[in-house]
ModelCIF file with pLDDT and N, C-alpha, C, O atoms, coordinates in Angstrom:
data_MODEL
#
_entry.id   MODEL 
#
_entity.id                         1 
_entity.type                       polymer 
_entity.pdbx_number_of_molecules   1 
#
_entity_poly.entity_id                      1 
_entity_poly.type                           'polypeptide(L)' 
_entity_poly.nstd_linkage                   no 
_entity_poly.nstd_monomer                   no 
_entity_poly.pdbx_seq_one_letter_code       IARALAMQPKVMLFDEPTSALDPEMVKEVLDAIQDLAESGMTMIVVTH 
_entity_poly.pdbx_seq_one_letter_code_can   IARALAMQPKVMLFDEPTSALDPEMVKEVLDAIQDLAESGMTMIVVTH 
_entity_poly.pdbx_strand_id                 A 
#
loop_
_entity_poly_seq.entity_id 
_entity_poly_seq.num 
_entity_poly_seq.mon_id 
_entity_poly_seq.hetero 
1 1  ILE n 
1 2  ALA n 
1 3  ARG n 
1 4  ALA n 
1 5  LEU n 
1 6  ALA n 
1 7  MET n 
1 8  GLN n 
1 9  PRO n 
1 10 LYS n 
1 11 VAL n 
1 12 MET n 
1 13 LEU n 
1 14 PHE n 
1 15 ASP n 
1 16 GLU n 
1 17 PRO n 
1 18 THR n 
1 19 SER n 
1 20 ALA n 
1 21 LEU n 
1 22 ASP n 
1 23 PRO n 
1 24 GLU n 
1 25 MET n 
1 26 VAL n 
1 27 LYS n 
1 28 GLU n 
1 29 VAL n 
1 30 LEU n 
1 31 ASP n 
1 32 ALA n 
1 33 ILE n 
1 34 GLN n 
1 35 ASP n 
1 36 LEU n 
1 37 ALA n 
1 38 GLU n 
1 39 SER n 
1 40 GLY n 
1 41 MET n 
1 42 THR n 
1 43 MET n 
1 44 ILE n 
1 45 VAL n 
1 46 VAL n 
1 47 THR n 
1 48 HIS n 
#
_struct_asym.id          A 
_struct_asym.entity_id   1 
#
loop_
_ma_qa_metric.id 
_ma_qa_metric.mode 
_ma_qa_metric.name 
_ma_qa_metric.software_group_id 
_ma_qa_metric.type 
1 global pLDDT . pLDDT 
2 local  pLDDT . pLDDT 
#
_ma_qa_metric_global.metric_id      1 
_ma_qa_metric_global.metric_value   93.69 
_ma_qa_metric_global.model_id       1 
_ma_qa_metric_global.ordinal_id     1 
#
loop_
_ma_qa_metric_local.label_asym_id 
_ma_qa_metric_local.label_comp_id 
_ma_qa_metric_local.label_seq_id 
_ma_qa_metric_local.metric_id 
_ma_qa_metric_local.metric_value 
_ma_qa_metric_local.model_id 
_ma_qa_metric_local.ordinal_id 
A ILE 1  2 96.00 1 1  
A ALA 2  2 96.00 1 2  
A ARG 3  2 96.00 1 3  
A ALA 4  2 96.00 1 4  
A LEU 5  2 96.00 1 5  
A ALA 6  2 96.00 1 6  
A MET 7  2 94.00 1 7  
A GLN 8  2 94.00 1 8  
A PRO 9  2 95.00 1 9  
A LYS 10 2 94.00 1 10 
A VAL 11 2 96.00 1 11 
A MET 12 2 97.00 1 12 
A LEU 13 2 97.00 1 13 
A PHE 14 2 97.00 1 14 
A ASP 15 2 95.00 1 15 
A GLU 16 2 94.00 1 16 
A PRO 17 2 93.00 1 17 
A THR 18 2 93.00 1 18 
A SER 19 2 89.00 1 19 
A ALA 20 2 85.00 1 20 
A LEU 21 2 90.00 1 21 
A ASP 22 2 88.00 1 22 
A PRO 23 2 86.00 1 23 
A GLU 24 2 85.00 1 24 
A MET 25 2 90.00 1 25 
A VAL 26 2 92.00 1 26 
A LYS 27 2 91.00 1 27 
A GLU 28 2 92.00 1 28 
A VAL 29 2 94.00 1 29 
A LEU 30 2 94.00 1 30 
A ASP 31 2 93.00 1 31 
A ALA 32 2 94.00 1 32 
A ILE 33 2 95.00 1 33 
A GLN 34 2 94.00 1 34 
A ASP 35 2 94.00 1 35 
A LEU 36 2 94.00 1 36 
A ALA 37 2 93.00 1 37 
A GLU 38 2 93.00 1 38 
A SER 39 2 94.00 1 39 
A GLY 40 2 94.00 1 40 
A MET 41 2 96.00 1 41 
A THR 42 2 96.00 1 42 
A MET 43 2 97.00 1 43 
A ILE 44 2 97.00 1 44 
A VAL 45 2 97.00 1 45 
A VAL 46 2 97.00 1 46 
A THR 47 2 95.00 1 47 
A HIS 48 2 93.00 1 48 
#
loop_
_atom_site.group_PDB 
_atom_site.id 
_atom_site.type_symbol 
_atom_site.label_atom_id 
_atom_site.label_alt_id 
_atom_site.label_comp_id 
_atom_site.label_asym_id 
_atom_site.label_entity_id 
_atom_site.label_seq_id 
_atom_site.pdbx_PDB_ins_code 
_atom_site.Cartn_x 
_atom_site.Cartn_y 
_atom_site.Cartn_z 
_atom_site.occupancy 
_atom_site.B_iso_or_equiv 
_atom_site.pdbx_formal_charge 
_atom_site.auth_seq_id 
_atom_site.auth_comp_id 
_atom_site.auth_asym_id 
_atom_site.auth_atom_id 
_atom_site.pdbx_PDB_model_num 
ATOM 1   N N  . ILE A 1 1  ? 5.818   3.172  -2.283  1.00 96.00 ? 1  ILE A N  1 
ATOM 2   C CA . ILE A 1 1  ? 4.730   2.909  -3.315  1.00 96.00 ? 1  ILE A CA 1 
ATOM 3   C C  . ILE A 1 1  ? 4.760   3.444  -4.675  1.00 96.00 ? 1  ILE A C  1 
ATOM 4   O O  . ILE A 1 1  ? 4.468   2.820  -5.696  1.00 96.00 ? 1  ILE A O  1 
ATOM 5   N N  . ALA A 1 2  ? 5.137   4.645  -4.590  1.00 96.00 ? 2  ALA A N  1 
ATOM 6   C CA . ALA A 1 2  ? 4.949   5.336  -6.105  1.00 96.00 ? 2  ALA A CA 1 
ATOM 7   C C  . ALA A 1 2  ? 6.129   4.840  -6.772  1.00 96.00 ? 2  ALA A C  1 
ATOM 8   O O  . ALA A 1 2  ? 6.036   4.838  -7.999  1.00 96.00 ? 2  ALA A O  1 
ATOM 9   N N  . ARG A 1 3  ? 7.492   4.312  -6.164  1.00 96.00 ? 3  ARG A N  1 
ATOM 10  C CA . ARG A 1 3  ? 8.478   3.595  -7.039  1.00 96.00 ? 3  ARG A CA 1 
ATOM 11  C C  . ARG A 1 3  ? 7.952   2.275  -7.602  1.00 96.00 ? 3  ARG A C  1 
ATOM 12  O O  . ARG A 1 3  ? 8.202   1.848  -8.729  1.00 96.00 ? 3  ARG A O  1 
ATOM 13  N N  . ALA A 1 4  ? 7.044   1.568  -6.495  1.00 96.00 ? 4  ALA A N  1 
ATOM 14  C CA . ALA A 1 4  ? 6.715   0.457  -7.298  1.00 96.00 ? 4  ALA A CA 1 
ATOM 15  C C  . ALA A 1 4  ? 5.469   0.498  -8.691  1.00 96.00 ? 4  ALA A C  1 
ATOM 16  O O  . ALA A 1 4  ? 5.438   -0.234 -9.680  1.00 96.00 ? 4  ALA A O  1 
ATOM 17  N N  . LEU A 1 5  ? 4.605   1.536  -8.343  1.00 96.00 ? 5  LEU A N  1 
ATOM 18  C CA . LEU A 1 5  ? 3.607   2.043  -9.118  1.00 96.00 ? 5  LEU A CA 1 
ATOM 19  C C  . LEU A 1 5  ? 4.218   2.344  -10.479 1.00 96.00 ? 5  LEU A C  1 
ATOM 20  O O  . LEU A 1 5  ? 3.593   1.964  -11.469 1.00 96.00 ? 5  LEU A O  1 
ATOM 21  N N  . ALA A 1 6  ? 5.420   3.013  -10.642 1.00 96.00 ? 6  ALA A N  1 
ATOM 22  C CA . ALA A 1 6  ? 6.178   3.544  -11.700 1.00 96.00 ? 6  ALA A CA 1 
ATOM 23  C C  . ALA A 1 6  ? 6.340   2.356  -12.685 1.00 96.00 ? 6  ALA A C  1 
ATOM 24  O O  . ALA A 1 6  ? 6.340   2.416  -13.915 1.00 96.00 ? 6  ALA A O  1 
ATOM 25  N N  . MET A 1 7  ? 6.463   1.380  -11.976 1.00 94.00 ? 7  MET A N  1 
ATOM 26  C CA . MET A 1 7  ? 6.667   0.003  -13.210 1.00 94.00 ? 7  MET A CA 1 
ATOM 27  C C  . MET A 1 7  ? 5.742   -0.610 -13.721 1.00 94.00 ? 7  MET A C  1 
ATOM 28  O O  . MET A 1 7  ? 5.788   -1.749 -14.185 1.00 94.00 ? 7  MET A O  1 
ATOM 29  N N  . GLN A 1 8  ? 4.441   0.422  -13.648 1.00 94.00 ? 8  GLN A N  1 
ATOM 30  C CA . GLN A 1 8  ? 2.845   0.070  -13.984 1.00 94.00 ? 8  GLN A CA 1 
ATOM 31  C C  . GLN A 1 8  ? 2.611   -1.594 -13.889 1.00 94.00 ? 8  GLN A C  1 
ATOM 32  O O  . GLN A 1 8  ? 2.424   -2.340 -14.850 1.00 94.00 ? 8  GLN A O  1 
ATOM 33  N N  . PRO A 1 9  ? 2.664   -1.933 -12.617 1.00 95.00 ? 9  PRO A N  1 
ATOM 34  C CA . PRO A 1 9  ? 2.583   -3.374 -12.447 1.00 95.00 ? 9  PRO A CA 1 
ATOM 35  C C  . PRO A 1 9  ? 0.892   -3.691 -12.636 1.00 95.00 ? 9  PRO A C  1 
ATOM 36  O O  . PRO A 1 9  ? 0.100   -2.752 -12.567 1.00 95.00 ? 9  PRO A O  1 
ATOM 37  N N  . LYS A 1 10 ? 0.468   -4.953 -12.855 1.00 94.00 ? 10 LYS A N  1 
ATOM 38  C CA . LYS A 1 10 ? -0.923  -5.286 -12.505 1.00 94.00 ? 10 LYS A CA 1 
ATOM 39  C C  . LYS A 1 10 ? -1.267  -5.651 -11.280 1.00 94.00 ? 10 LYS A C  1 
ATOM 40  O O  . LYS A 1 10 ? -2.456  -5.706 -10.964 1.00 94.00 ? 10 LYS A O  1 
ATOM 41  N N  . VAL A 1 11 ? -0.221  -5.968 -10.370 1.00 96.00 ? 11 VAL A N  1 
ATOM 42  C CA . VAL A 1 11 ? -0.671  -6.425 -9.055  1.00 96.00 ? 11 VAL A CA 1 
ATOM 43  C C  . VAL A 1 11 ? 0.274   -5.814 -8.363  1.00 96.00 ? 11 VAL A C  1 
ATOM 44  O O  . VAL A 1 11 ? 1.381   -5.585 -8.850  1.00 96.00 ? 11 VAL A O  1 
ATOM 45  N N  . MET A 1 12 ? -0.188  -5.365 -6.708  1.00 97.00 ? 12 MET A N  1 
ATOM 46  C CA . MET A 1 12 ? 0.660   -4.881 -5.693  1.00 97.00 ? 12 MET A CA 1 
ATOM 47  C C  . MET A 1 12 ? 0.791   -5.703 -4.589  1.00 97.00 ? 12 MET A C  1 
ATOM 48  O O  . MET A 1 12 ? -0.229  -5.893 -3.926  1.00 97.00 ? 12 MET A O  1 
ATOM 49  N N  . LEU A 1 13 ? 1.901   -6.275 -4.219  1.00 97.00 ? 13 LEU A N  1 
ATOM 50  C CA . LEU A 1 13 ? 1.792   -6.977 -2.957  1.00 97.00 ? 13 LEU A CA 1 
ATOM 51  C C  . LEU A 1 13 ? 3.010   -6.156 -1.830  1.00 97.00 ? 13 LEU A C  1 
ATOM 52  O O  . LEU A 1 13 ? 4.197   -5.840 -1.900  1.00 97.00 ? 13 LEU A O  1 
ATOM 53  N N  . PHE A 1 14 ? 1.998   -6.066 -0.901  1.00 97.00 ? 14 PHE A N  1 
ATOM 54  C CA . PHE A 1 14 ? 2.279   -5.145 0.444   1.00 97.00 ? 14 PHE A CA 1 
ATOM 55  C C  . PHE A 1 14 ? 2.546   -6.237 1.676   1.00 97.00 ? 14 PHE A C  1 
ATOM 56  O O  . PHE A 1 14 ? 1.668   -6.897 2.232   1.00 97.00 ? 14 PHE A O  1 
ATOM 57  N N  . ASP A 1 15 ? 3.788   -6.262 1.929   1.00 95.00 ? 15 ASP A N  1 
ATOM 58  C CA . ASP A 1 15 ? 4.123   -6.900 2.959   1.00 95.00 ? 15 ASP A CA 1 
ATOM 59  C C  . ASP A 1 15 ? 4.393   -6.536 4.444   1.00 95.00 ? 15 ASP A C  1 
ATOM 60  O O  . ASP A 1 15 ? 5.498   -6.600 4.982   1.00 95.00 ? 15 ASP A O  1 
ATOM 61  N N  . GLU A 1 16 ? 3.280   -6.162 5.011   1.00 94.00 ? 16 GLU A N  1 
ATOM 62  C CA . GLU A 1 16 ? 3.359   -5.383 6.255   1.00 94.00 ? 16 GLU A CA 1 
ATOM 63  C C  . GLU A 1 16 ? 3.764   -4.001 6.296   1.00 94.00 ? 16 GLU A C  1 
ATOM 64  O O  . GLU A 1 16 ? 4.560   -3.579 7.135   1.00 94.00 ? 16 GLU A O  1 
ATOM 65  N N  . PRO A 1 17 ? 3.215   -3.270 5.383   1.00 93.00 ? 17 PRO A N  1 
ATOM 66  C CA . PRO A 1 17 ? 4.040   -1.895 5.140   1.00 93.00 ? 17 PRO A CA 1 
ATOM 67  C C  . PRO A 1 17 ? 3.683   -0.954 6.062   1.00 93.00 ? 17 PRO A C  1 
ATOM 68  O O  . PRO A 1 17 ? 4.031   0.210  5.862   1.00 93.00 ? 17 PRO A O  1 
ATOM 69  N N  . THR A 1 18 ? 2.949   -1.285 7.195   1.00 93.00 ? 18 THR A N  1 
ATOM 70  C CA . THR A 1 18 ? 3.158   -0.082 8.305   1.00 93.00 ? 18 THR A CA 1 
ATOM 71  C C  . THR A 1 18 ? 3.765   -0.555 9.463   1.00 93.00 ? 18 THR A C  1 
ATOM 72  O O  . THR A 1 18 ? 3.628   0.141  10.468  1.00 93.00 ? 18 THR A O  1 
ATOM 73  N N  . SER A 1 19 ? 4.500   -1.735 9.559   1.00 89.00 ? 19 SER A N  1 
ATOM 74  C CA . SER A 1 19 ? 5.013   -2.474 10.701  1.00 89.00 ? 19 SER A CA 1 
ATOM 75  C C  . SER A 1 19 ? 6.068   -1.651 11.401  1.00 89.00 ? 19 SER A C  1 
ATOM 76  O O  . SER A 1 19 ? 6.425   -1.658 12.579  1.00 89.00 ? 19 SER A O  1 
ATOM 77  N N  . ALA A 1 20 ? 6.472   -0.937 10.364  1.00 85.00 ? 20 ALA A N  1 
ATOM 78  C CA . ALA A 1 20 ? 8.142   -0.042 10.975  1.00 85.00 ? 20 ALA A CA 1 
ATOM 79  C C  . ALA A 1 20 ? 7.542   1.043  11.183  1.00 85.00 ? 20 ALA A C  1 
ATOM 80  O O  . ALA A 1 20 ? 8.393   1.805  11.641  1.00 85.00 ? 20 ALA A O  1 
ATOM 81  N N  . LEU A 1 21 ? 6.538   1.579  11.113  1.00 90.00 ? 21 LEU A N  1 
ATOM 82  C CA . LEU A 1 21 ? 6.341   3.048  11.102  1.00 90.00 ? 21 LEU A CA 1 
ATOM 83  C C  . LEU A 1 21 ? 5.784   3.347  12.520  1.00 90.00 ? 21 LEU A C  1 
ATOM 84  O O  . LEU A 1 21 ? 5.121   2.498  13.116  1.00 90.00 ? 21 LEU A O  1 
ATOM 85  N N  . ASP A 1 22 ? 6.061   4.573  13.058  1.00 88.00 ? 22 ASP A N  1 
ATOM 86  C CA . ASP A 1 22 ? 5.250   5.103  14.249  1.00 88.00 ? 22 ASP A CA 1 
ATOM 87  C C  . ASP A 1 22 ? 3.722   5.042  14.290  1.00 88.00 ? 22 ASP A C  1 
ATOM 88  O O  . ASP A 1 22 ? 3.096   5.071  13.231  1.00 88.00 ? 22 ASP A O  1 
ATOM 89  N N  . PRO A 1 23 ? 3.250   4.980  15.174  1.00 86.00 ? 23 PRO A N  1 
ATOM 90  C CA . PRO A 1 23 ? 1.598   4.988  14.859  1.00 86.00 ? 23 PRO A CA 1 
ATOM 91  C C  . PRO A 1 23 ? 1.045   6.205  14.485  1.00 86.00 ? 23 PRO A C  1 
ATOM 92  O O  . PRO A 1 23 ? -0.108  6.028  14.094  1.00 86.00 ? 23 PRO A O  1 
ATOM 93  N N  . GLU A 1 24 ? 1.417   7.456  14.440  1.00 85.00 ? 24 GLU A N  1 
ATOM 94  C CA . GLU A 1 24 ? 0.917   8.380  13.770  1.00 85.00 ? 24 GLU A CA 1 
ATOM 95  C C  . GLU A 1 24 ? 1.159   8.725  12.175  1.00 85.00 ? 24 GLU A C  1 
ATOM 96  O O  . GLU A 1 24 ? 0.738   9.635  11.462  1.00 85.00 ? 24 GLU A O  1 
ATOM 97  N N  . MET A 1 25 ? 2.104   7.492  11.907  1.00 90.00 ? 25 MET A N  1 
ATOM 98  C CA . MET A 1 25 ? 2.401   7.604  10.311  1.00 90.00 ? 25 MET A CA 1 
ATOM 99  C C  . MET A 1 25 ? 1.484   6.440  9.600   1.00 90.00 ? 25 MET A C  1 
ATOM 100 O O  . MET A 1 25 ? 1.277   6.276  8.398   1.00 90.00 ? 25 MET A O  1 
ATOM 101 N N  . VAL A 1 26 ? 1.075   5.801  10.547  1.00 92.00 ? 26 VAL A N  1 
ATOM 102 C CA . VAL A 1 26 ? 0.278   4.530  9.722   1.00 92.00 ? 26 VAL A CA 1 
ATOM 103 C C  . VAL A 1 26 ? -0.847  4.936  8.907   1.00 92.00 ? 26 VAL A C  1 
ATOM 104 O O  . VAL A 1 26 ? -1.015  4.234  7.910   1.00 92.00 ? 26 VAL A O  1 
ATOM 105 N N  . LYS A 1 27 ? -1.565  5.778  9.057   1.00 91.00 ? 27 LYS A N  1 
ATOM 106 C CA . LYS A 1 27 ? -2.996  6.330  8.536   1.00 91.00 ? 27 LYS A CA 1 
ATOM 107 C C  . LYS A 1 27 ? -2.351  6.973  7.122   1.00 91.00 ? 27 LYS A C  1 
ATOM 108 O O  . LYS A 1 27 ? -2.851  6.651  6.044   1.00 91.00 ? 27 LYS A O  1 
ATOM 109 N N  . GLU A 1 28 ? -1.571  7.607  7.167   1.00 92.00 ? 28 GLU A N  1 
ATOM 110 C CA . GLU A 1 28 ? -1.235  8.412  5.601   1.00 92.00 ? 28 GLU A CA 1 
ATOM 111 C C  . GLU A 1 28 ? -0.746  7.067  4.563   1.00 92.00 ? 28 GLU A C  1 
ATOM 112 O O  . GLU A 1 28 ? -1.042  7.157  3.371   1.00 92.00 ? 28 GLU A O  1 
ATOM 113 N N  . VAL A 1 29 ? -0.106  6.013  4.983   1.00 94.00 ? 29 VAL A N  1 
ATOM 114 C CA . VAL A 1 29 ? 0.262   5.111  4.304   1.00 94.00 ? 29 VAL A CA 1 
ATOM 115 C C  . VAL A 1 29 ? -1.046  4.070  3.759   1.00 94.00 ? 29 VAL A C  1 
ATOM 116 O O  . VAL A 1 29 ? -1.265  3.595  2.644   1.00 94.00 ? 29 VAL A O  1 
ATOM 117 N N  . LEU A 1 30 ? -1.776  3.953  5.032   1.00 94.00 ? 30 LEU A N  1 
ATOM 118 C CA . LEU A 1 30 ? -3.094  3.008  4.814   1.00 94.00 ? 30 LEU A CA 1 
ATOM 119 C C  . LEU A 1 30 ? -3.908  3.808  3.747   1.00 94.00 ? 30 LEU A C  1 
ATOM 120 O O  . LEU A 1 30 ? -4.386  3.217  2.779   1.00 94.00 ? 30 LEU A O  1 
ATOM 121 N N  . ASP A 1 31 ? -4.072  5.217  3.932   1.00 93.00 ? 31 ASP A N  1 
ATOM 122 C CA . ASP A 1 31 ? -4.698  5.864  3.006   1.00 93.00 ? 31 ASP A CA 1 
ATOM 123 C C  . ASP A 1 31 ? -4.300  5.747  1.505   1.00 93.00 ? 31 ASP A C  1 
ATOM 124 O O  . ASP A 1 31 ? -5.138  5.667  0.608   1.00 93.00 ? 31 ASP A O  1 
ATOM 125 N N  . ALA A 1 32 ? -2.978  5.744  1.308   1.00 94.00 ? 32 ALA A N  1 
ATOM 126 C CA . ALA A 1 32 ? -2.497  5.694  -0.031  1.00 94.00 ? 32 ALA A CA 1 
ATOM 127 C C  . ALA A 1 32 ? -2.880  4.213  -0.525  1.00 94.00 ? 32 ALA A C  1 
ATOM 128 O O  . ALA A 1 32 ? -3.159  4.019  -1.709  1.00 94.00 ? 32 ALA A O  1 
ATOM 129 N N  . ILE A 1 33 ? -2.884  3.196  0.404   1.00 95.00 ? 33 ILE A N  1 
ATOM 130 C CA . ILE A 1 33 ? -3.237  2.115  -0.366  1.00 95.00 ? 33 ILE A CA 1 
ATOM 131 C C  . ILE A 1 33 ? -4.566  1.904  -0.619  1.00 95.00 ? 33 ILE A C  1 
ATOM 132 O O  . ILE A 1 33 ? -5.026  1.225  -1.537  1.00 95.00 ? 33 ILE A O  1 
ATOM 133 N N  . GLN A 1 34 ? -5.317  2.652  0.427   1.00 94.00 ? 34 GLN A N  1 
ATOM 134 C CA . GLN A 1 34 ? -6.836  2.581  0.255   1.00 94.00 ? 34 GLN A CA 1 
ATOM 135 C C  . GLN A 1 34 ? -7.359  3.097  -1.210  1.00 94.00 ? 34 GLN A C  1 
ATOM 136 O O  . GLN A 1 34 ? -8.322  2.654  -1.836  1.00 94.00 ? 34 GLN A O  1 
ATOM 137 N N  . ASP A 1 35 ? -6.413  4.218  -1.613  1.00 94.00 ? 35 ASP A N  1 
ATOM 138 C CA . ASP A 1 35 ? -6.724  4.697  -2.761  1.00 94.00 ? 35 ASP A CA 1 
ATOM 139 C C  . ASP A 1 35 ? -6.552  3.949  -4.156  1.00 94.00 ? 35 ASP A C  1 
ATOM 140 O O  . ASP A 1 35 ? -7.304  3.843  -5.124  1.00 94.00 ? 35 ASP A O  1 
ATOM 141 N N  . LEU A 1 36 ? -5.253  3.465  -3.883  1.00 94.00 ? 36 LEU A N  1 
ATOM 142 C CA . LEU A 1 36 ? -5.094  2.129  -4.973  1.00 94.00 ? 36 LEU A CA 1 
ATOM 143 C C  . LEU A 1 36 ? -6.203  1.060  -5.111  1.00 94.00 ? 36 LEU A C  1 
ATOM 144 O O  . LEU A 1 36 ? -6.688  0.649  -6.165  1.00 94.00 ? 36 LEU A O  1 
ATOM 145 N N  . ALA A 1 37 ? -6.496  0.708  -3.923  1.00 93.00 ? 37 ALA A N  1 
ATOM 146 C CA . ALA A 1 37 ? -7.811  -0.295 -3.940  1.00 93.00 ? 37 ALA A CA 1 
ATOM 147 C C  . ALA A 1 37 ? -9.072  0.350  -4.705  1.00 93.00 ? 37 ALA A C  1 
ATOM 148 O O  . ALA A 1 37 ? -9.751  -0.233 -5.551  1.00 93.00 ? 37 ALA A O  1 
ATOM 149 N N  . GLU A 1 38 ? -9.261  1.717  -4.225  1.00 93.00 ? 38 GLU A N  1 
ATOM 150 C CA . GLU A 1 38 ? -10.326 2.146  -4.865  1.00 93.00 ? 38 GLU A CA 1 
ATOM 151 C C  . GLU A 1 38 ? -10.376 2.453  -6.387  1.00 93.00 ? 38 GLU A C  1 
ATOM 152 O O  . GLU A 1 38 ? -11.408 2.558  -7.050  1.00 93.00 ? 38 GLU A O  1 
ATOM 153 N N  . SER A 1 39 ? -8.965  2.596  -6.887  1.00 94.00 ? 39 SER A N  1 
ATOM 154 C CA . SER A 1 39 ? -8.758  2.676  -8.173  1.00 94.00 ? 39 SER A CA 1 
ATOM 155 C C  . SER A 1 39 ? -8.821  1.376  -8.884  1.00 94.00 ? 39 SER A C  1 
ATOM 156 O O  . SER A 1 39 ? -8.573  1.430  -10.089 1.00 94.00 ? 39 SER A O  1 
ATOM 157 N N  . GLY A 1 40 ? -9.125  0.136  -8.341  1.00 94.00 ? 40 GLY A N  1 
ATOM 158 C CA . GLY A 1 40 ? -9.165  -0.882 -9.028  1.00 94.00 ? 40 GLY A CA 1 
ATOM 159 C C  . GLY A 1 40 ? -7.681  -1.943 -9.225  1.00 94.00 ? 40 GLY A C  1 
ATOM 160 O O  . GLY A 1 40 ? -7.498  -2.743 -10.142 1.00 94.00 ? 40 GLY A O  1 
ATOM 161 N N  . MET A 1 41 ? -6.902  -1.698 -8.256  1.00 96.00 ? 41 MET A N  1 
ATOM 162 C CA . MET A 1 41 ? -5.543  -2.391 -8.371  1.00 96.00 ? 41 MET A CA 1 
ATOM 163 C C  . MET A 1 41 ? -5.715  -3.520 -7.625  1.00 96.00 ? 41 MET A C  1 
ATOM 164 O O  . MET A 1 41 ? -6.223  -3.499 -6.504  1.00 96.00 ? 41 MET A O  1 
ATOM 165 N N  . THR A 1 42 ? -5.213  -4.784 -8.331  1.00 96.00 ? 42 THR A N  1 
ATOM 166 C CA . THR A 1 42 ? -5.304  -6.092 -7.603  1.00 96.00 ? 42 THR A CA 1 
ATOM 167 C C  . THR A 1 42 ? -4.289  -6.003 -6.670  1.00 96.00 ? 42 THR A C  1 
ATOM 168 O O  . THR A 1 42 ? -3.184  -5.533 -6.940  1.00 96.00 ? 42 THR A O  1 
ATOM 169 N N  . MET A 1 43 ? -4.647  -6.486 -5.445  1.00 97.00 ? 43 MET A N  1 
ATOM 170 C CA . MET A 1 43 ? -3.685  -6.367 -4.262  1.00 97.00 ? 43 MET A CA 1 
ATOM 171 C C  . MET A 1 43 ? -3.991  -7.638 -3.296  1.00 97.00 ? 43 MET A C  1 
ATOM 172 O O  . MET A 1 43 ? -5.078  -8.162 -3.054  1.00 97.00 ? 43 MET A O  1 
ATOM 173 N N  . ILE A 1 44 ? -2.432  -8.036 -2.722  1.00 97.00 ? 44 ILE A N  1 
ATOM 174 C CA . ILE A 1 44 ? -2.442  -8.901 -1.643  1.00 97.00 ? 44 ILE A CA 1 
ATOM 175 C C  . ILE A 1 44 ? -1.816  -8.006 -0.676  1.00 97.00 ? 44 ILE A C  1 
ATOM 176 O O  . ILE A 1 44 ? -0.740  -7.501 -0.995  1.00 97.00 ? 44 ILE A O  1 
ATOM 177 N N  . VAL A 1 45 ? -2.396  -7.698 0.605   1.00 97.00 ? 45 VAL A N  1 
ATOM 178 C CA . VAL A 1 45 ? -2.085  -6.977 1.712   1.00 97.00 ? 45 VAL A CA 1 
ATOM 179 C C  . VAL A 1 45 ? -1.528  -7.645 2.912   1.00 97.00 ? 45 VAL A C  1 
ATOM 180 O O  . VAL A 1 45 ? -2.350  -7.437 3.805   1.00 97.00 ? 45 VAL A O  1 
ATOM 181 N N  . VAL A 1 46 ? -0.519  -8.361 3.391   1.00 97.00 ? 46 VAL A N  1 
ATOM 182 C CA . VAL A 1 46 ? -0.241  -8.604 4.559   1.00 97.00 ? 46 VAL A CA 1 
ATOM 183 C C  . VAL A 1 46 ? -0.480  -7.819 5.637   1.00 97.00 ? 46 VAL A C  1 
ATOM 184 O O  . VAL A 1 46 ? 0.324   -6.887 5.608   1.00 97.00 ? 46 VAL A O  1 
ATOM 185 N N  . THR A 1 47 ? -1.127  -7.757 6.479   1.00 95.00 ? 47 THR A N  1 
ATOM 186 C CA . THR A 1 47 ? -1.097  -6.522 7.645   1.00 95.00 ? 47 THR A CA 1 
ATOM 187 C C  . THR A 1 47 ? -1.764  -7.042 8.607   1.00 95.00 ? 47 THR A C  1 
ATOM 188 O O  . THR A 1 47 ? -2.600  -7.932 8.451   1.00 95.00 ? 47 THR A O  1 
ATOM 189 N N  . HIS A 1 48 ? -1.379  -6.413 9.938   1.00 93.00 ? 48 HIS A N  1 
ATOM 190 C CA . HIS A 1 48 ? -1.903  -6.474 11.217  1.00 93.00 ? 48 HIS A CA 1 
ATOM 191 C C  . HIS A 1 48 ? -2.938  -5.402 11.521  1.00 93.00 ? 48 HIS A C  1 
ATOM 192 O O  . HIS A 1 48 ? -3.474  -5.357 12.628  1.00 93.00 ? 48 HIS A O  1 
#
């Protein structure tokens, strides 16, 4: 996520970003995405 943001995009696209993670790791990634949402980033998030 940090690497994608380093290019200063106007849009973030997430393709099931937590599907490869163990359950206990999912929340920390979703929290990071939620922080982005609250900052006003335009996003399309494919998610289960």
